[in-house]
PDB file of N, CA and C in Angstrom:
ATOM      1  N   UNK A   1     123.427  52.228  57.704  1.00  0.00           N
ATOM      2  CA  UNK A   1     123.486  53.373  58.763  1.00  0.00           C
ATOM      3  C   UNK A   1     123.102  54.591  57.915  1.00  0.00           C
ATOM      4  N   UNK A   2     122.549  55.416  58.608  1.00  0.00           N
ATOM      5  CA  UNK A   2     121.638  56.767  58.097  1.00  0.00           C
ATOM      6  C   UNK A   2     122.314  57.751  58.995  1.00  0.00           C
ATOM      7  N   UNK A   3     122.407  59.010  58.752  1.00  0.00           N
ATOM      8  CA  UNK A   3     122.676  60.381  59.676  1.00  0.00           C
ATOM      9  C   UNK A   3     121.480  61.227  59.290  1.00  0.00           C
ATOM     10  N   UNK A   4     121.218  61.460  60.478  1.00  0.00           N
ATOM     11  CA  UNK A   4     119.644  62.440  60.324  1.00  0.00           C
ATOM     12  C   UNK A   4     120.225  64.007  61.410  1.00  0.00           C
ATOM     13  N   UNK A   5     120.218  64.818  60.479  1.00  0.00           N
ATOM     14  CA  UNK A   5     120.588  66.056  61.081  1.00  0.00           C
ATOM     15  C   UNK A   5     119.255  66.927  61.607  1.00  0.00           C
ATOM     16  N   UNK A   6     119.026  66.898  62.895  1.00  0.00           N
ATOM     17  CA  UNK A   6     117.927  67.483  63.959  1.00  0.00           C
ATOM     18  C   UNK A   6     118.212  68.624  64.447  1.00  0.00           C
ATOM     19  N   UNK A   7     119.468  69.134  64.332  1.00  0.00           N
ATOM     20  CA  UNK A   7     119.828  70.614  64.624  1.00  0.00           C
ATOM     21  C   UNK A   7     118.520  71.636  64.422  1.00  0.00           C
ATOM     22  N   UNK A   8     118.152  71.721  63.075  1.00  0.00           N
ATOM     23  CA  UNK A   8     117.332  72.591  62.599  1.00  0.00           C
ATOM     24  C   UNK A   8     116.329  72.593  63.677  1.00  0.00           C
ATOM     25  N   UNK A   9     115.798  71.686  64.701  1.00  0.00           N
ATOM     26  CA  UNK A   9     114.686  71.580  65.371  1.00  0.00           C
ATOM     27  C   UNK A   9     114.809  72.337  66.862  1.00  0.00           C
ATOM     28  N   UNK A  10     116.034  72.627  67.011  1.00  0.00           N
ATOM     29  CA  UNK A  10     116.767  73.170  68.265  1.00  0.00           C
ATOM     30  C   UNK A  10     116.434  72.154  69.476  1.00  0.00           C
ATOM     31  N   UNK A  11     115.645  72.490  70.507  1.00  0.00           N
ATOM     32  CA  UNK A  11     115.534  71.563  71.452  1.00  0.00           C
ATOM     33  C   UNK A  11     113.945  70.660  71.445  1.00  0.00           C
ATOM     34  N   UNK A  12     113.611  70.836  70.375  1.00  0.00           N
ATOM     35  CA  UNK A  12     112.144  69.981  70.197  1.00  0.00           C
ATOM     36  C   UNK A  12     112.475  68.864  69.046  1.00  0.00           C
ATOM     37  N   UNK A  13     113.572  68.171  69.327  1.00  0.00           N
ATOM     38  CA  UNK A  13     113.804  67.041  68.257  1.00  0.00           C
ATOM     39  C   UNK A  13     113.275  65.767  68.604  1.00  0.00           C
ATOM     40  N   UNK A  14     112.898  65.452  69.738  1.00  0.00           N
ATOM     41  CA  UNK A  14     112.551  64.256  70.210  1.00  0.00           C
ATOM     42  C   UNK A  14     111.541  63.430  69.518  1.00  0.00           C
ATOM     43  N   UNK A  15     110.738  64.270  69.225  1.00  0.00           N
ATOM     44  CA  UNK A  15     109.171  63.692  68.424  1.00  0.00           C
ATOM     45  C   UNK A  15     109.646  63.045  67.012  1.00  0.00           C
ATOM     46  N   UNK A  16     110.719  63.890  66.459  1.00  0.00           N
ATOM     47  CA  UNK A  16     111.253  63.734  65.239  1.00  0.00           C
ATOM     48  C   UNK A  16     111.882  62.307  65.230  1.00  0.00           C
ATOM     49  N   UNK A  17     112.953  62.417  66.190  1.00  0.00           N
ATOM     50  CA  UNK A  17     113.738  61.174  66.368  1.00  0.00           C
ATOM     51  C   UNK A  17     113.447  60.061  66.551  1.00  0.00           C
ATOM     52  N   UNK A  18     112.011  60.055  67.577  1.00  0.00           N
ATOM     53  CA  UNK A  18     111.102  58.795  67.291  1.00  0.00           C
ATOM     54  C   UNK A  18     110.650  58.342  65.891  1.00  0.00           C
ATOM     55  N   UNK A  19     109.972  59.415  65.385  1.00  0.00           N
ATOM     56  CA  UNK A  19     109.332  59.070  63.938  1.00  0.00           C
ATOM     57  C   UNK A  19     110.185  58.303  63.238  1.00  0.00           C
ATOM     58  N   UNK A  20     111.855  58.793  63.051  1.00  0.00           N
ATOM     59  CA  UNK A  20     112.757  58.169  62.399  1.00  0.00           C
ATOM     60  C   UNK A  20     112.832  56.883  62.866  1.00  0.00           C
ATOM     61  N   UNK A  21     112.942  56.783  63.987  1.00  0.00           N
ATOM     62  CA  UNK A  21     113.245  55.140  64.580  1.00  0.00           C
ATOM     63  C   UNK A  21     111.902  54.037  64.183  1.00  0.00           C
ATOM     64  N   UNK A  22     110.995  54.850  64.456  1.00  0.00           N
ATOM     65  CA  UNK A  22     109.872  53.942  64.238  1.00  0.00           C
ATOM     66  C   UNK A  22     109.822  53.417  62.668  1.00  0.00           C
ATOM     67  N   UNK A  23     110.040  54.127  61.912  1.00  0.00           N
ATOM     68  CA  UNK A  23     110.352  53.946  60.474  1.00  0.00           C
ATOM     69  C   UNK A  23     111.644  53.369  60.042  1.00  0.00           C
ATOM     70  N   UNK A  24     112.586  53.073  60.831  1.00  0.00           N
ATOM     71  CA  UNK A  24     113.803  52.443  60.025  1.00  0.00           C
ATOM     72  C   UNK A  24     113.293  50.726  60.355  1.00  0.00           C
ATOM     73  N   UNK A  25     114.246  50.315  59.649  1.00  0.00           N
ATOM     74  CA  UNK A  25     114.344  48.851  59.714  1.00  0.00           C
ATOM     75  C   UNK A  25     114.916  48.259  61.007  1.00  0.00           C
ATOM     76  N   UNK A  26     114.475  47.130  61.541  1.00  0.00           N
ATOM     77  CA  UNK A  26     115.186  46.218  62.475  1.00  0.00           C
ATOM     78  C   UNK A  26     116.418  46.173  62.555  1.00  0.00           C
ATOM     79  N   UNK A  27     117.202  46.316  63.459  1.00  0.00           N
ATOM     80  CA  UNK A  27     118.546  46.496  63.791  1.00  0.00           C
ATOM     81  C   UNK A  27     119.415  47.599  62.939  1.00  0.00           C
ATOM     82  N   UNK A  28     118.626  48.662  61.936  1.00  0.00           N
ATOM     83  CA  UNK A  28     119.357  49.809  61.573  1.00  0.00           C
ATOM     84  C   UNK A  28     120.026  50.554  62.605  1.00  0.00           C
ATOM     85  N   UNK A  29     121.225  50.961  62.163  1.00  0.00           N
ATOM     86  CA  UNK A  29     121.842  52.021  62.947  1.00  0.00           C
ATOM     87  C   UNK A  29     121.451  53.521  62.404  1.00  0.00           C
ATOM     88  N   UNK A  30     121.215  54.243  63.231  1.00  0.00           N
ATOM     89  CA  UNK A  30     120.741  55.731  62.948  1.00  0.00           C
ATOM     90  C   UNK A  30     121.793  56.696  64.013  1.00  0.00           C
ATOM     91  N   UNK A  31     122.062  57.613  63.093  1.00  0.00           N
ATOM     92  CA  UNK A  31     123.072  58.651  63.870  1.00  0.00           C
ATOM     93  C   UNK A  31     122.346  59.851  63.787  1.00  0.00           C
ATOM     94  N   UNK A  32     121.976  60.408  65.117  1.00  0.00           N
ATOM     95  CA  UNK A  32     121.306  61.850  65.081  1.00  0.00           C
ATOM     96  C   UNK A  32     122.130  62.760  65.644  1.00  0.00           C
ATOM     97  N   UNK A  33     121.962  63.940  65.104  1.00  0.00           N
ATOM     98  CA  UNK A  33     122.863  65.397  65.382  1.00  0.00           C
ATOM     99  C   UNK A  33     121.989  66.221  65.936  1.00  0.00           C
ATOM    100  N   UNK A  34     122.204  66.866  67.214  1.00  0.00           N
ATOM    101  CA  UNK A  34     121.125  67.678  67.644  1.00  0.00           C
ATOM    102  C   UNK A  34     121.878  68.753  68.544  1.00  0.00           C
ATOM    103  N   UNK A  35     121.532  70.070  68.749  1.00  0.00           N
ATOM    104  CA  UNK A  35     122.033  71.125  69.496  1.00  0.00           C
ATOM    105  C   UNK A  35     122.092  70.652  70.915  1.00  0.00           C
ATOM    106  N   UNK A  36     123.159  71.051  71.651  1.00  0.00           N
ATOM    107  CA  UNK A  36     123.298  70.775  72.888  1.00  0.00           C
ATOM    108  C   UNK A  36     122.557  71.681  73.918  1.00  0.00           C
ATOM    109  N   UNK A  37     122.659  72.797  73.426  1.00  0.00           N
ATOM    110  CA  UNK A  37     121.954  73.672  74.356  1.00  0.00           C
ATOM    111  C   UNK A  37     122.527  73.768  76.109  1.00  0.00           C
ATOM    112  N   UNK A  38     121.668  73.376  76.985  1.00  0.00           N
ATOM    113  CA  UNK A  38     122.083  73.475  78.514  1.00  0.00           C
ATOM    114  C   UNK A  38     122.306  71.885  78.673  1.00  0.00           C
ATOM    115  N   UNK A  39     122.439  71.148  77.772  1.00  0.00           N
ATOM    116  CA  UNK A  39     123.097  69.759  77.976  1.00  0.00           C
ATOM    117  C   UNK A  39     122.078  68.696  78.641  1.00  0.00           C
ATOM    118  N   UNK A  40     120.879  69.285  78.989  1.00  0.00           N
ATOM    119  CA  UNK A  40     119.563  68.524  79.301  1.00  0.00           C
ATOM    120  C   UNK A  40     118.797  67.667  78.142  1.00  0.00           C
ATOM    121  N   UNK A  41     119.096  67.697  77.043  1.00  0.00           N
ATOM    122  CA  UNK A  41     118.608  67.308  75.820  1.00  0.00           C
ATOM    123  C   UNK A  41     119.625  65.624  75.698  1.00  0.00           C
ATOM    124  N   UNK A  42     120.497  65.935  76.347  1.00  0.00           N
ATOM    125  CA  UNK A  42     121.666  64.632  76.186  1.00  0.00           C
ATOM    126  C   UNK A  42     120.886  63.339  76.948  1.00  0.00           C
ATOM    127  N   UNK A  43     120.572  63.717  78.399  1.00  0.00           N
ATOM    128  CA  UNK A  43     120.255  62.934  79.241  1.00  0.00           C
ATOM    129  C   UNK A  43     118.770  62.273  78.684  1.00  0.00           C
ATOM    130  N   UNK A  44     118.086  63.335  78.307  1.00  0.00           N
ATOM    131  CA  UNK A  44     116.510  63.102  78.096  1.00  0.00           C
ATOM    132  C   UNK A  44     116.493  62.102  76.727  1.00  0.00           C
ATOM    133  N   UNK A  45     117.416  62.512  75.759  1.00  0.00           N
ATOM    134  CA  UNK A  45     117.380  61.728  74.437  1.00  0.00           C
ATOM    135  C   UNK A  45     117.782  60.243  74.648  1.00  0.00           C
ATOM    136  N   UNK A  46     118.633  60.062  75.619  1.00  0.00           N
ATOM    137  CA  UNK A  46     118.954  58.806  75.921  1.00  0.00           C
ATOM    138  C   UNK A  46     118.064  57.958  76.837  1.00  0.00           C
ATOM    139  N   UNK A  47     117.587  58.628  77.575  1.00  0.00           N
ATOM    140  CA  UNK A  47     116.212  58.498  78.200  1.00  0.00           C
ATOM    141  C   UNK A  47     114.967  57.575  77.437  1.00  0.00           C
ATOM    142  N   UNK A  48     115.032  58.560  76.500  1.00  0.00           N
ATOM    143  CA  UNK A  48     113.727  58.377  75.434  1.00  0.00           C
ATOM    144  C   UNK A  48     114.253  57.010  74.572  1.00  0.00           C
ATOM    145  N   UNK A  49     115.057  57.160  74.120  1.00  0.00           N
ATOM    146  CA  UNK A  49     115.744  56.015  73.291  1.00  0.00           C
ATOM    147  C   UNK A  49     115.476  54.533  74.029  1.00  0.00           C
ATOM    148  N   UNK A  50     116.124  54.613  75.314  1.00  0.00           N
ATOM    149  CA  UNK A  50     116.168  53.491  76.099  1.00  0.00           C
ATOM    150  C   UNK A  50     114.939  52.901  76.455  1.00  0.00           C
ATOM    151  N   UNK A  51     113.995  53.640  76.738  1.00  0.00           N
ATOM    152  CA  UNK A  51     112.446  53.719  76.904  1.00  0.00           C
ATOM    153  C   UNK A  51     111.749  53.090  75.988  1.00  0.00           C
ATOM    154  N   UNK A  52     112.097  53.381  74.776  1.00  0.00           N
ATOM    155  CA  UNK A  52     111.420  52.719  73.587  1.00  0.00           C
ATOM    156  C   UNK A  52     112.141  51.370  73.210  1.00  0.00           C
ATOM    157  N   UNK A  53     113.091  51.051  74.159  1.00  0.00           N
ATOM    158  CA  UNK A  53     113.725  49.695  73.669  1.00  0.00           C
ATOM    159  C   UNK A  53     114.605  49.571  72.718  1.00  0.00           C
ATOM    160  N   UNK A  54     115.394  50.631  72.502  1.00  0.00           N
ATOM    161  CA  UNK A  54     116.220  50.603  71.374  1.00  0.00           C
ATOM    162  C   UNK A  54     117.700  50.492  72.005  1.00  0.00           C
ATOM    163  N   UNK A  55     118.803  50.425  71.459  1.00  0.00           N
ATOM    164  CA  UNK A  55     119.971  50.559  71.943  1.00  0.00           C
ATOM    165  C   UNK A  55     120.683  51.782  71.592  1.00  0.00           C
ATOM    166  N   UNK A  56     121.275  52.169  72.760  1.00  0.00           N
ATOM    167  CA  UNK A  56     122.037  53.441  72.420  1.00  0.00           C
ATOM    168  C   UNK A  56     123.442  53.259  72.753  1.00  0.00           C
ATOM    169  N   UNK A  57     124.068  53.019  71.308  1.00  0.00           N
ATOM    170  CA  UNK A  57     125.426  52.689  71.053  1.00  0.00           C
ATOM    171  C   UNK A  57     126.503  53.673  71.234  1.00  0.00           C
ATOM    172  N   UNK A  58     126.421  55.007  71.076  1.00  0.00           N
ATOM    173  CA  UNK A  58     127.314  55.926  71.429  1.00  0.00           C
ATOM    174  C   UNK A  58     126.695  57.261  71.607  1.00  0.00           C
ATOM    175  N   UNK A  59     127.332  58.188  72.302  1.00  0.00           N
ATOM    176  CA  UNK A  59     126.639  59.526  72.452  1.00  0.00           C
ATOM    177  C   UNK A  59     127.893  60.378  72.622  1.00  0.00           C
ATOM    178  N   UNK A  60     128.105  61.152  71.805  1.00  0.00           N
ATOM    179  CA  UNK A  60     129.230  62.028  71.769  1.00  0.00           C
ATOM    180  C   UNK A  60     129.353  63.315  71.218  1.00  0.00           C
ATOM    181  N   UNK A  61     129.987  64.186  71.896  1.00  0.00           N
ATOM    182  CA  UNK A  61     130.022  65.709  71.523  1.00  0.00           C
ATOM    183  C   UNK A  61     130.743  65.856  70.173  1.00  0.00           C
ATOM    184  N   UNK A  62     129.925  66.420  69.011  1.00  0.00           N
ATOM    185  CA  UNK A  62     130.534  66.576  67.758  1.00  0.00           C
ATOM    186  C   UNK A  62     131.378  67.544  67.494  1.00  0.00           C
ATOM    187  N   UNK A  63     130.805  68.964  68.049  1.00  0.00           N
ATOM    188  CA  UNK A  63     131.639  70.276  68.136  1.00  0.00           C
ATOM    189  C   UNK A  63     131.203  70.876  69.428  1.00  0.00           C
ATOM    190  N   UNK A  64     131.555  72.188  69.358  1.00  0.00           N
ATOM    191  CA  UNK A  64     130.753  72.975  70.685  1.00  0.00           C
ATOM    192  C   UNK A  64     129.344  73.162  70.726  1.00  0.00           C
ATOM    193  N   UNK A  65     128.699  73.182  69.841  1.00  0.00           N
ATOM    194  CA  UNK A  65     127.412  73.213  69.882  1.00  0.00           C
ATOM    195  C   UNK A  65     126.450  72.072  69.715  1.00  0.00           C
ATOM    196  N   UNK A  66     127.149  71.132  69.232  1.00  0.00           N
ATOM    197  CA  UNK A  66     126.308  69.781  68.681  1.00  0.00           C
ATOM    198  C   UNK A  66     126.576  68.457  69.439  1.00  0.00           C
ATOM    199  N   UNK A  67     125.749  67.822  69.409  1.00  0.00           N
ATOM    200  CA  UNK A  67     125.863  66.361  69.900  1.00  0.00           C
ATOM    201  C   UNK A  67     125.499  65.293  68.889  1.00  0.00           C
ATOM    202  N   UNK A  68     125.973  63.948  68.969  1.00  0.00           N
ATOM    203  CA  UNK A  68     125.750  63.009  68.267  1.00  0.00           C
ATOM    204  C   UNK A  68     125.437  61.933  69.019  1.00  0.00           C
ATOM    205  N   UNK A  69     124.092  60.864  68.699  1.00  0.00           N
ATOM    206  CA  UNK A  69     123.591  59.955  69.384  1.00  0.00           C
ATOM    207  C   UNK A  69     123.597  58.987  68.332  1.00  0.00           C
ATOM    208  N   UNK A  70     124.069  57.530  68.609  1.00  0.00           N
ATOM    209  CA  UNK A  70     124.243  56.436  67.575  1.00  0.00           C
ATOM    210  C   UNK A  70     123.389  55.491  68.348  1.00  0.00           C
ATOM    211  N   UNK A  71     122.137  55.154  67.581  1.00  0.00           N
ATOM    212  CA  UNK A  71     121.013  54.311  68.140  1.00  0.00           C
ATOM    213  C   UNK A  71     120.790  53.047  67.164  1.00  0.00           C
ATOM    214  N   UNK A  72     120.799  51.904  67.648  1.00  0.00           N
ATOM    215  CA  UNK A  72     120.141  50.757  66.924  1.00  0.00           C
ATOM    216  C   UNK A  72     118.953  50.553  67.177  1.00  0.00           C
ATOM    217  N   UNK A  73     118.123  50.546  66.143  1.00  0.00           N
ATOM    218  CA  UNK A  73     117.022  49.894  66.430  1.00  0.00           C
ATOM    219  C   UNK A  73     116.579  48.508  66.844  1.00  0.00           C
ATOM    220  N   UNK A  74     115.608  48.348  67.699  1.00  0.00           N
ATOM    221  CA  UNK A  74     115.438  47.098  68.196  1.00  0.00           C
ATOM    222  C   UNK A  74     113.855  46.853  67.643  1.00  0.00           C
ATOM    223  N   UNK A  75     113.602  45.657  67.298  1.00  0.00           N
ATOM    224  CA  UNK A  75     112.149  45.131  66.997  1.00  0.00           C
ATOM    225  C   UNK A  75     111.115  45.308  67.824  1.00  0.00           C
TER     226      UNK A  75
END
Protein backbone atom coordinates (compact mmCIF):
# COMPACT_ATOMS: atom_id res chain seq x y z
CA UNK A 1 0.00 0.00 0.00
CA UNK A 2 1.38 3.37 -1.02
CA UNK A 3 0.13 6.90 -0.44
CA UNK A 4 0.33 9.56 -3.14
CA UNK A 5 -0.09 13.24 -2.34
CA UNK A 6 -1.65 14.89 -5.40
CA UNK A 7 -2.69 18.09 -3.61
CA UNK A 8 -0.01 20.11 -5.41
CA UNK A 9 -1.85 19.44 -8.71
CA UNK A 10 -5.00 21.23 -7.44
CA UNK A 11 -7.95 20.12 -9.63
CA UNK A 12 -5.78 18.65 -12.40
CA UNK A 13 -4.79 15.40 -10.67
CA UNK A 14 -6.83 12.86 -12.65
CA UNK A 15 -4.19 12.09 -15.28
CA UNK A 16 -1.46 11.62 -12.68
CA UNK A 17 -3.73 9.39 -10.58
CA UNK A 18 -4.37 7.12 -13.57
CA UNK A 19 -0.64 7.05 -14.47
CA UNK A 20 0.12 5.82 -10.97
CA UNK A 21 -2.59 3.16 -11.16
CA UNK A 22 -1.33 2.02 -14.57
CA UNK A 23 2.16 1.52 -13.10
CA UNK A 24 0.97 -0.19 -9.91
CA UNK A 25 1.09 -3.95 -9.46
CA UNK A 26 -2.12 -5.96 -9.85
CA UNK A 27 -4.22 -5.85 -6.67
CA UNK A 28 -1.99 -3.13 -5.17
CA UNK A 29 -3.81 -0.66 -2.94
CA UNK A 30 -3.08 3.03 -3.54
CA UNK A 31 -4.12 5.94 -1.36
CA UNK A 32 -4.57 9.27 -3.16
CA UNK A 33 -4.85 12.65 -1.45
CA UNK A 34 -6.22 15.64 -3.35
CA UNK A 35 -7.82 19.03 -2.67
CA UNK A 36 -11.60 19.07 -2.48
CA UNK A 37 -12.32 22.53 -3.88
CA UNK A 38 -16.00 22.57 -4.87
CA UNK A 39 -16.51 18.83 -4.16
CA UNK A 40 -16.89 17.96 -7.88
CA UNK A 41 -13.49 16.17 -7.95
CA UNK A 42 -14.83 13.59 -5.50
CA UNK A 43 -17.47 12.14 -7.82
CA UNK A 44 -15.36 12.65 -10.93
CA UNK A 45 -12.38 10.78 -9.47
CA UNK A 46 -14.64 7.92 -8.31
CA UNK A 47 -16.18 7.69 -11.79
CA UNK A 48 -12.75 7.65 -13.46
CA UNK A 49 -11.45 4.91 -11.15
CA UNK A 50 -14.51 2.72 -11.67
CA UNK A 51 -14.58 3.31 -15.45
CA UNK A 52 -10.98 2.08 -15.60
CA UNK A 53 -12.07 -1.15 -13.88
CA UNK A 54 -10.41 -0.56 -10.52
CA UNK A 55 -12.06 -0.98 -7.13
CA UNK A 56 -12.83 2.13 -5.08
CA UNK A 57 -12.41 0.83 -1.54
CA UNK A 58 -12.93 4.06 0.40
CA UNK A 59 -13.50 7.76 -0.11
CA UNK A 60 -13.16 9.94 2.97
CA UNK A 61 -12.63 13.53 3.97
CA UNK A 62 -9.11 13.93 5.36
CA UNK A 63 -9.45 17.45 6.73
CA UNK A 64 -11.24 20.69 5.80
CA UNK A 65 -9.52 21.04 2.42
CA UNK A 66 -8.41 17.54 1.42
CA UNK A 67 -9.94 14.22 0.40
CA UNK A 68 -8.55 10.68 0.36
CA UNK A 69 -9.38 7.86 -2.07
CA UNK A 70 -8.34 4.28 -1.41
CA UNK A 71 -8.19 2.31 -4.67
CA UNK A 72 -7.29 -1.31 -5.42
CA UNK A 73 -5.84 -1.85 -8.87
CA UNK A 74 -7.50 -4.53 -10.92
CA UNK A 75 -5.73 -6.37 -13.74
